[in-house]
PDB file of N, CA and C in Angstrom:
ATOM      1  N   MET A   1      -2.268  11.685  24.404  1.00  0.00           N
ATOM      2  CA  MET A   1      -2.915  12.931  24.722  1.00  0.00           C
ATOM      3  C   MET A   1      -4.225  12.668  25.464  1.00  0.00           C
ATOM      4  N   LEU A   2      -4.947  11.671  25.018  1.00  0.00           N
ATOM      5  CA  LEU A   2      -6.226  11.397  25.688  1.00  0.00           C
ATOM      6  C   LEU A   2      -5.993  10.922  27.113  1.00  0.00           C
ATOM      7  N   ARG A   3      -4.934  10.108  27.308  1.00  0.00           N
ATOM      8  CA  ARG A   3      -4.618   9.642  28.659  1.00  0.00           C
ATOM      9  C   ARG A   3      -4.246  10.824  29.549  1.00  0.00           C
ATOM     10  N   LEU A   4      -3.441  11.745  29.006  1.00  0.00           N
ATOM     11  CA  LEU A   4      -3.081  12.937  29.775  1.00  0.00           C
ATOM     12  C   LEU A   4      -4.313  13.766  30.107  1.00  0.00           C
ATOM     13  N   GLY A   5      -5.266  13.794  29.192  1.00  0.00           N
ATOM     14  CA  GLY A   5      -6.485  14.553  29.407  1.00  0.00           C
ATOM     15  C   GLY A   5      -7.281  14.087  30.606  1.00  0.00           C
ATOM     16  N   GLU A   6      -7.079  12.836  30.975  1.00  0.00           N
ATOM     17  CA  GLU A   6      -7.796  12.310  32.132  1.00  0.00           C
ATOM     18  C   GLU A   6      -7.238  12.848  33.443  1.00  0.00           C
ATOM     19  N   THR A   7      -5.958  13.249  33.428  1.00  0.00           N
ATOM     20  CA  THR A   7      -5.317  13.664  34.672  1.00  0.00           C
ATOM     21  C   THR A   7      -4.847  15.115  34.686  1.00  0.00           C
ATOM     22  N   CYS A   8      -4.780  15.759  33.535  1.00  0.00           N
ATOM     23  CA  CYS A   8      -4.253  17.125  33.461  1.00  0.00           C
ATOM     24  C   CYS A   8      -5.318  18.088  32.933  1.00  0.00           C
ATOM     25  N   ASP A   9      -5.293  19.290  33.470  1.00  0.00           N
ATOM     26  CA  ASP A   9      -6.201  20.321  32.969  1.00  0.00           C
ATOM     27  C   ASP A   9      -5.673  20.935  31.683  1.00  0.00           C
ATOM     28  N   GLU A  10      -4.332  20.938  31.506  1.00  0.00           N
ATOM     29  CA  GLU A  10      -3.707  21.501  30.314  1.00  0.00           C
ATOM     30  C   GLU A  10      -2.441  20.723  30.015  1.00  0.00           C
ATOM     31  N   THR A  11      -2.118  20.561  28.735  1.00  0.00           N
ATOM     32  CA  THR A  11      -0.887  19.878  28.344  1.00  0.00           C
ATOM     33  C   THR A  11      -0.039  20.831  27.516  1.00  0.00           C
ATOM     34  N   SER A  12       1.242  20.523  27.409  1.00  0.00           N
ATOM     35  CA  SER A  12       2.173  21.322  26.618  1.00  0.00           C
ATOM     36  C   SER A  12       2.712  20.438  25.500  1.00  0.00           C
ATOM     37  N   VAL A  13       2.627  20.923  24.264  1.00  0.00           N
ATOM     38  CA  VAL A  13       3.040  20.138  23.100  1.00  0.00           C
ATOM     39  C   VAL A  13       4.028  20.954  22.275  1.00  0.00           C
ATOM     40  N   VAL A  14       5.134  20.327  21.865  1.00  0.00           N
ATOM     41  CA  VAL A  14       6.148  21.045  21.092  1.00  0.00           C
ATOM     42  C   VAL A  14       5.602  21.459  19.738  1.00  0.00           C
ATOM     43  N   ALA A  15       6.068  22.606  19.248  1.00  0.00           N
ATOM     44  CA  ALA A  15       5.624  23.121  17.959  1.00  0.00           C
ATOM     45  C   ALA A  15       6.776  23.225  16.970  1.00  0.00           C
ATOM     46  N   ASP A  16       7.964  22.729  17.361  1.00  0.00           N
ATOM     47  CA  ASP A  16       9.133  22.871  16.490  1.00  0.00           C
ATOM     48  C   ASP A  16       9.587  21.552  15.865  1.00  0.00           C
ATOM     49  N   GLN A  17       8.785  20.517  15.970  1.00  0.00           N
ATOM     50  CA  GLN A  17       9.086  19.232  15.336  1.00  0.00           C
ATOM     51  C   GLN A  17       8.011  18.974  14.278  1.00  0.00           C
ATOM     52  N   TRP A  18       8.435  18.982  13.011  1.00  0.00           N
ATOM     53  CA  TRP A  18       7.501  18.865  11.904  1.00  0.00           C
ATOM     54  C   TRP A  18       7.649  17.524  11.200  1.00  0.00           C
ATOM     55  N   GLY A  19       6.572  17.050  10.621  1.00  0.00           N
ATOM     56  CA  GLY A  19       6.615  15.802   9.881  1.00  0.00           C
ATOM     57  C   GLY A  19       5.398  15.639   8.999  1.00  0.00           C
ATOM     58  N   HIS A  20       5.282  14.454   8.420  1.00  0.00           N
ATOM     59  CA  HIS A  20       4.174  14.106   7.532  1.00  0.00           C
ATOM     60  C   HIS A  20       3.439  12.909   8.151  1.00  0.00           C
ATOM     61  N   PRO A  21       2.532  13.148   9.074  1.00  0.00           N
ATOM     62  CA  PRO A  21       1.821  12.040   9.706  1.00  0.00           C
ATOM     63  C   PRO A  21       1.113  11.176   8.668  1.00  0.00           C
ATOM     64  N   THR A  22       1.255   9.872   8.824  1.00  0.00           N
ATOM     65  CA  THR A  22       0.680   8.941   7.868  1.00  0.00           C
ATOM     66  C   THR A  22      -0.272   7.995   8.592  1.00  0.00           C
ATOM     67  N   SER A  23      -1.466   7.886   8.086  1.00  0.00           N
ATOM     68  CA  SER A  23      -2.475   7.006   8.658  1.00  0.00           C
ATOM     69  C   SER A  23      -2.004   5.552   8.613  1.00  0.00           C
ATOM     70  N   ALA A  24      -2.244   4.823   9.677  1.00  0.00           N
ATOM     71  CA  ALA A  24      -1.891   3.398   9.705  1.00  0.00           C
ATOM     72  C   ALA A  24      -2.646   2.636   8.621  1.00  0.00           C
ATOM     73  N   LEU A  25      -3.889   3.041   8.345  1.00  0.00           N
ATOM     74  CA  LEU A  25      -4.658   2.379   7.288  1.00  0.00           C
ATOM     75  C   LEU A  25      -4.042   2.627   5.908  1.00  0.00           C
ATOM     76  N   ASP A  26      -3.596   3.862   5.655  1.00  0.00           N
ATOM     77  CA  ASP A  26      -2.935   4.170   4.386  1.00  0.00           C
ATOM     78  C   ASP A  26      -1.624   3.408   4.260  1.00  0.00           C
ATOM     79  N   PHE A  27      -0.903   3.320   5.365  1.00  0.00           N
ATOM     80  CA  PHE A  27       0.373   2.602   5.370  1.00  0.00           C
ATOM     81  C   PHE A  27       0.145   1.114   5.062  1.00  0.00           C
ATOM     82  N   ALA A  28      -0.840   0.502   5.708  1.00  0.00           N
ATOM     83  CA  ALA A  28      -1.152  -0.905   5.473  1.00  0.00           C
ATOM     84  C   ALA A  28      -1.595  -1.129   4.030  1.00  0.00           C
ATOM     85  N   ASP A  29      -2.418  -0.230   3.503  1.00  0.00           N
ATOM     86  CA  ASP A  29      -2.879  -0.336   2.127  1.00  0.00           C
ATOM     87  C   ASP A  29      -1.696  -0.281   1.156  1.00  0.00           C
ATOM     88  N   ALA A  30      -0.767   0.631   1.396  1.00  0.00           N
ATOM     89  CA  ALA A  30       0.414   0.753   0.525  1.00  0.00           C
ATOM     90  C   ALA A  30       1.267  -0.509   0.577  1.00  0.00           C
ATOM     91  N   ILE A  31       1.419  -1.094   1.753  1.00  0.00           N
ATOM     92  CA  ILE A  31       2.186  -2.345   1.875  1.00  0.00           C
ATOM     93  C   ILE A  31       1.528  -3.453   1.060  1.00  0.00           C
ATOM     94  N   LEU A  32       0.207  -3.585   1.177  1.00  0.00           N
ATOM     95  CA  LEU A  32      -0.499  -4.630   0.442  1.00  0.00           C
ATOM     96  C   LEU A  32      -0.418  -4.413  -1.068  1.00  0.00           C
ATOM     97  N   GLN A  33      -0.579  -3.171  -1.506  1.00  0.00           N
ATOM     98  CA  GLN A  33      -0.480  -2.876  -2.938  1.00  0.00           C
ATOM     99  C   GLN A  33       0.924  -3.178  -3.463  1.00  0.00           C
ATOM    100  N   THR A  34       1.934  -2.778  -2.712  1.00  0.00           N
ATOM    101  CA  THR A  34       3.323  -3.027  -3.120  1.00  0.00           C
ATOM    102  C   THR A  34       3.601  -4.518  -3.162  1.00  0.00           C
ATOM    103  N   ALA A  35       3.122  -5.250  -2.170  1.00  0.00           N
ATOM    104  CA  ALA A  35       3.334  -6.695  -2.137  1.00  0.00           C
ATOM    105  C   ALA A  35       2.689  -7.369  -3.352  1.00  0.00           C
ATOM    106  N   ARG A  36       1.484  -6.931  -3.720  1.00  0.00           N
ATOM    107  CA  ARG A  36       0.815  -7.501  -4.900  1.00  0.00           C
ATOM    108  C   ARG A  36       1.611  -7.219  -6.172  1.00  0.00           C
ATOM    109  N   ILE A  37       2.083  -5.986  -6.310  1.00  0.00           N
ATOM    110  CA  ILE A  37       2.864  -5.623  -7.499  1.00  0.00           C
ATOM    111  C   ILE A  37       4.133  -6.474  -7.584  1.00  0.00           C
ATOM    112  N   LEU A  38       4.829  -6.605  -6.466  1.00  0.00           N
ATOM    113  CA  LEU A  38       6.066  -7.390  -6.466  1.00  0.00           C
ATOM    114  C   LEU A  38       5.783  -8.870  -6.740  1.00  0.00           C
ATOM    115  N   ARG A  39       4.704  -9.382  -6.162  1.00  0.00           N
ATOM    116  CA  ARG A  39       4.344 -10.783  -6.377  1.00  0.00           C
ATOM    117  C   ARG A  39       3.986 -11.045  -7.842  1.00  0.00           C
ATOM    118  N   ASP A  40       3.204 -10.151  -8.434  1.00  0.00           N
ATOM    119  CA  ASP A  40       2.714 -10.370  -9.788  1.00  0.00           C
ATOM    120  C   ASP A  40       3.766 -10.095 -10.864  1.00  0.00           C
ATOM    121  N   SER A  41       4.651  -9.152 -10.615  1.00  0.00           N
ATOM    122  CA  SER A  41       5.603  -8.777 -11.668  1.00  0.00           C
ATOM    123  C   SER A  41       6.855  -9.652 -11.680  1.00  0.00           C
ATOM    124  N   ARG A  42       7.238 -10.143 -10.529  1.00  0.00           N
ATOM    125  CA  ARG A  42       8.482 -10.927 -10.400  1.00  0.00           C
ATOM    126  C   ARG A  42       9.681 -10.133 -10.920  1.00  0.00           C
ATOM    127  N   ASP A  43       9.545  -8.815 -10.924  1.00  0.00           N
ATOM    128  CA  ASP A  43      10.619  -7.927 -11.374  1.00  0.00           C
ATOM    129  C   ASP A  43      11.455  -7.552 -10.156  1.00  0.00           C
ATOM    130  N   PHE A  44      12.589  -8.213  -9.996  1.00  0.00           N
ATOM    131  CA  PHE A  44      13.403  -8.017  -8.804  1.00  0.00           C
ATOM    132  C   PHE A  44      14.039  -6.629  -8.733  1.00  0.00           C
ATOM    133  N   SER A  45      14.032  -5.888  -9.840  1.00  0.00           N
ATOM    134  CA  SER A  45      14.575  -4.529  -9.794  1.00  0.00           C
ATOM    135  C   SER A  45      13.674  -3.602  -8.992  1.00  0.00           C
ATOM    136  N   ARG A  46      12.430  -4.026  -8.741  1.00  0.00           N
ATOM    137  CA  ARG A  46      11.509  -3.212  -7.957  1.00  0.00           C
ATOM    138  C   ARG A  46      11.673  -3.433  -6.454  1.00  0.00           C
ATOM    139  N   TYR A  47      12.431  -4.445  -6.061  1.00  0.00           N
ATOM    140  CA  TYR A  47      12.641  -4.713  -4.648  1.00  0.00           C
ATOM    141  C   TYR A  47      13.575  -3.659  -4.079  1.00  0.00           C
ATOM    142  N   GLY A  48      13.384  -3.293  -2.831  1.00  0.00           N
ATOM    143  CA  GLY A  48      14.244  -2.304  -2.202  1.00  0.00           C
ATOM    144  C   GLY A  48      13.562  -1.650  -1.024  1.00  0.00           C
ATOM    145  N   VAL A  49      14.021  -0.476  -0.698  1.00  0.00           N
ATOM    146  CA  VAL A  49      13.478   0.286   0.414  1.00  0.00           C
ATOM    147  C   VAL A  49      12.504   1.318  -0.144  1.00  0.00           C
ATOM    148  N   TYR A  50      11.334   1.382   0.432  1.00  0.00           N
ATOM    149  CA  TYR A  50      10.322   2.336   0.005  1.00  0.00           C
ATOM    150  C   TYR A  50      10.073   3.335   1.129  1.00  0.00           C
ATOM    151  N   TYR A  51       9.702   4.539   0.757  1.00  0.00           N
ATOM    152  CA  TYR A  51       9.378   5.588   1.708  1.00  0.00           C
ATOM    153  C   TYR A  51       7.941   6.014   1.453  1.00  0.00           C
ATOM    154  N   LEU A  52       7.160   6.100   2.499  1.00  0.00           N
ATOM    155  CA  LEU A  52       5.760   6.499   2.366  1.00  0.00           C
ATOM    156  C   LEU A  52       5.458   7.621   3.343  1.00  0.00           C
ATOM    157  N   ALA A  53       4.851   8.673   2.854  1.00  0.00           N
ATOM    158  CA  ALA A  53       4.405   9.773   3.718  1.00  0.00           C
ATOM    159  C   ALA A  53       3.205  10.440   3.063  1.00  0.00           C
ATOM    160  N   GLU A  54       2.292  10.884   3.885  1.00  0.00           N
ATOM    161  CA  GLU A  54       1.143  11.628   3.393  1.00  0.00           C
ATOM    162  C   GLU A  54       1.622  12.968   2.846  1.00  0.00           C
ATOM    163  N   THR A  55       0.782  13.633   2.076  1.00  0.00           N
ATOM    164  CA  THR A  55       1.106  14.978   1.622  1.00  0.00           C
ATOM    165  C   THR A  55       0.791  15.960   2.746  1.00  0.00           C
ATOM    166  N   GLY A  56       1.414  17.107   2.697  1.00  0.00           N
ATOM    167  CA  GLY A  56       1.217  18.109   3.739  1.00  0.00           C
ATOM    168  C   GLY A  56       2.093  17.820   4.937  1.00  0.00           C
ATOM    169  N   ASP A  57       2.249  18.806   5.766  1.00  0.00           N
ATOM    170  CA  ASP A  57       3.045  18.613   6.968  1.00  0.00           C
ATOM    171  C   ASP A  57       2.408  19.350   8.132  1.00  0.00           C
ATOM    172  N   THR A  58       2.804  18.960   9.333  1.00  0.00           N
ATOM    173  CA  THR A  58       2.282  19.585  10.542  1.00  0.00           C
ATOM    174  C   THR A  58       3.260  19.332  11.679  1.00  0.00           C
ATOM    175  N   SER A  59       3.062  20.042  12.762  1.00  0.00           N
ATOM    176  CA  SER A  59       3.865  19.831  13.963  1.00  0.00           C
ATOM    177  C   SER A  59       3.047  18.994  14.940  1.00  0.00           C
ATOM    178  N   TRP A  60       3.702  18.543  16.005  1.00  0.00           N
ATOM    179  CA  TRP A  60       2.962  17.816  17.038  1.00  0.00           C
ATOM    180  C   TRP A  60       1.876  18.720  17.618  1.00  0.00           C
ATOM    181  N   ASN A  61       2.183  19.991  17.709  1.00  0.00           N
ATOM    182  CA  ASN A  61       1.199  20.940  18.220  1.00  0.00           C
ATOM    183  C   ASN A  61       0.005  21.059  17.276  1.00  0.00           C
ATOM    184  N   GLY A  62       0.248  20.855  15.988  1.00  0.00           N
ATOM    185  CA  GLY A  62      -0.841  20.897  15.029  1.00  0.00           C
ATOM    186  C   GLY A  62      -1.733  19.672  15.090  1.00  0.00           C
ATOM    187  N   ILE A  63      -1.186  18.563  15.528  1.00  0.00           N
ATOM    188  CA  ILE A  63      -1.947  17.315  15.617  1.00  0.00           C
ATOM    189  C   ILE A  63      -2.764  17.258  16.905  1.00  0.00           C
ATOM    190  N   ALA A  64      -2.165  17.700  17.986  1.00  0.00           N
ATOM    191  CA  ALA A  64      -2.745  17.512  19.323  1.00  0.00           C
ATOM    192  C   ALA A  64      -4.169  18.025  19.482  1.00  0.00           C
ATOM    193  N   PRO A  65      -4.503  19.225  19.012  1.00  0.00           N
ATOM    194  CA  PRO A  65      -5.849  19.730  19.317  1.00  0.00           C
ATOM    195  C   PRO A  65      -6.923  19.349  18.307  1.00  0.00           C
ATOM    196  N   ASN A  66      -6.785  18.211  17.655  1.00  0.00           N
ATOM    197  CA  ASN A  66      -7.783  17.875  16.629  1.00  0.00           C
ATOM    198  C   ASN A  66      -9.177  17.676  17.228  1.00  0.00           C
ATOM    199  N   ASP A  67     -10.169  17.800  16.385  1.00  0.00           N
ATOM    200  CA  ASP A  67     -11.562  17.756  16.834  1.00  0.00           C
ATOM    201  C   ASP A  67     -11.926  16.445  17.515  1.00  0.00           C
ATOM    202  N   ARG A  68     -11.408  15.326  17.002  1.00  0.00           N
ATOM    203  CA  ARG A  68     -11.741  14.026  17.602  1.00  0.00           C
ATOM    204  C   ARG A  68     -11.219  13.952  19.035  1.00  0.00           C
ATOM    205  N   ALA A  69      -9.987  14.417  19.227  1.00  0.00           N
ATOM    206  CA  ALA A  69      -9.418  14.403  20.569  1.00  0.00           C
ATOM    207  C   ALA A  69     -10.236  15.277  21.511  1.00  0.00           C
ATOM    208  N   ARG A  70     -10.642  16.443  21.033  1.00  0.00           N
ATOM    209  CA  ARG A  70     -11.458  17.330  21.868  1.00  0.00           C
ATOM    210  C   ARG A  70     -12.784  16.669  22.217  1.00  0.00           C
ATOM    211  N   ALA A  71     -13.374  16.013  21.236  1.00  0.00           N
ATOM    212  CA  ALA A  71     -14.654  15.349  21.469  1.00  0.00           C
ATOM    213  C   ALA A  71     -14.526  14.237  22.509  1.00  0.00           C
ATOM    214  N   LEU A  72     -13.336  13.637  22.578  1.00  0.00           N
ATOM    215  CA  LEU A  72     -13.113  12.566  23.535  1.00  0.00           C
ATOM    216  C   LEU A  72     -12.595  13.086  24.875  1.00  0.00           C
ATOM    217  N   GLY A  73     -12.490  14.396  25.004  1.00  0.00           N
ATOM    218  CA  GLY A  73     -12.142  14.980  26.297  1.00  0.00           C
ATOM    219  C   GLY A  73     -10.699  15.379  26.470  1.00  0.00           C
ATOM    220  N   ALA A  74      -9.941  15.515  25.375  1.00  0.00           N
ATOM    221  CA  ALA A  74      -8.543  15.933  25.522  1.00  0.00           C
ATOM    222  C   ALA A  74      -8.492  17.365  26.036  1.00  0.00           C
ATOM    223  N   PRO A  75      -7.465  17.677  26.835  1.00  0.00           N
ATOM    224  CA  PRO A  75      -7.359  19.035  27.375  1.00  0.00           C
ATOM    225  C   PRO A  75      -6.865  20.013  26.322  1.00  0.00           C
ATOM    226  N   PRO A  76      -7.028  21.319  26.563  1.00  0.00           N
ATOM    227  CA  PRO A  76      -6.464  22.307  25.647  1.00  0.00           C
ATOM    228  C   PRO A  76      -4.952  22.157  25.604  1.00  0.00           C
ATOM    229  N   THR A  77      -4.327  22.501  24.481  1.00  0.00           N
ATOM    230  CA  THR A  77      -2.870  22.423  24.374  1.00  0.00           C
ATOM    231  C   THR A  77      -2.276  23.814  24.305  1.00  0.00           C
ATOM    232  N   SER A  78      -1.037  23.901  24.756  1.00  0.00           N
ATOM    233  CA  SER A  78      -0.285  25.146  24.614  1.00  0.00           C
ATOM    234  C   SER A  78       1.032  24.820  23.928  1.00  0.00           C
ATOM    235  N   THR A  79       1.596  25.784  23.227  1.00  0.00           N
ATOM    236  CA  THR A  79       2.841  25.597  22.492  1.00  0.00           C
ATOM    237  C   THR A  79       4.015  25.791  23.430  1.00  0.00           C
ATOM    238  N   SER A  80       5.026  24.915  23.322  1.00  0.00           N
ATOM    239  CA  SER A  80       6.241  25.107  24.105  1.00  0.00           C
ATOM    240  C   SER A  80       7.446  25.068  23.202  1.00  0.00           C
TER     241      SER A  80
END
């Protein structure tokens, strides 16, 4: 979005795709915590596939106009 802001006066962002955006820092923290638990417990029943998502949900259109992006010069968004 910021790159587009350098070349476009306005961008169009979809509003019909919803999800649970997860911070890379939170994701990394969860991996490290899980790795420590698995290393320390040696309980192989805990091994498997894990799913991580933040609470709450939003659309891409909900993410695009955040204050940080605006402060860095992102263009206004419109819903498509």
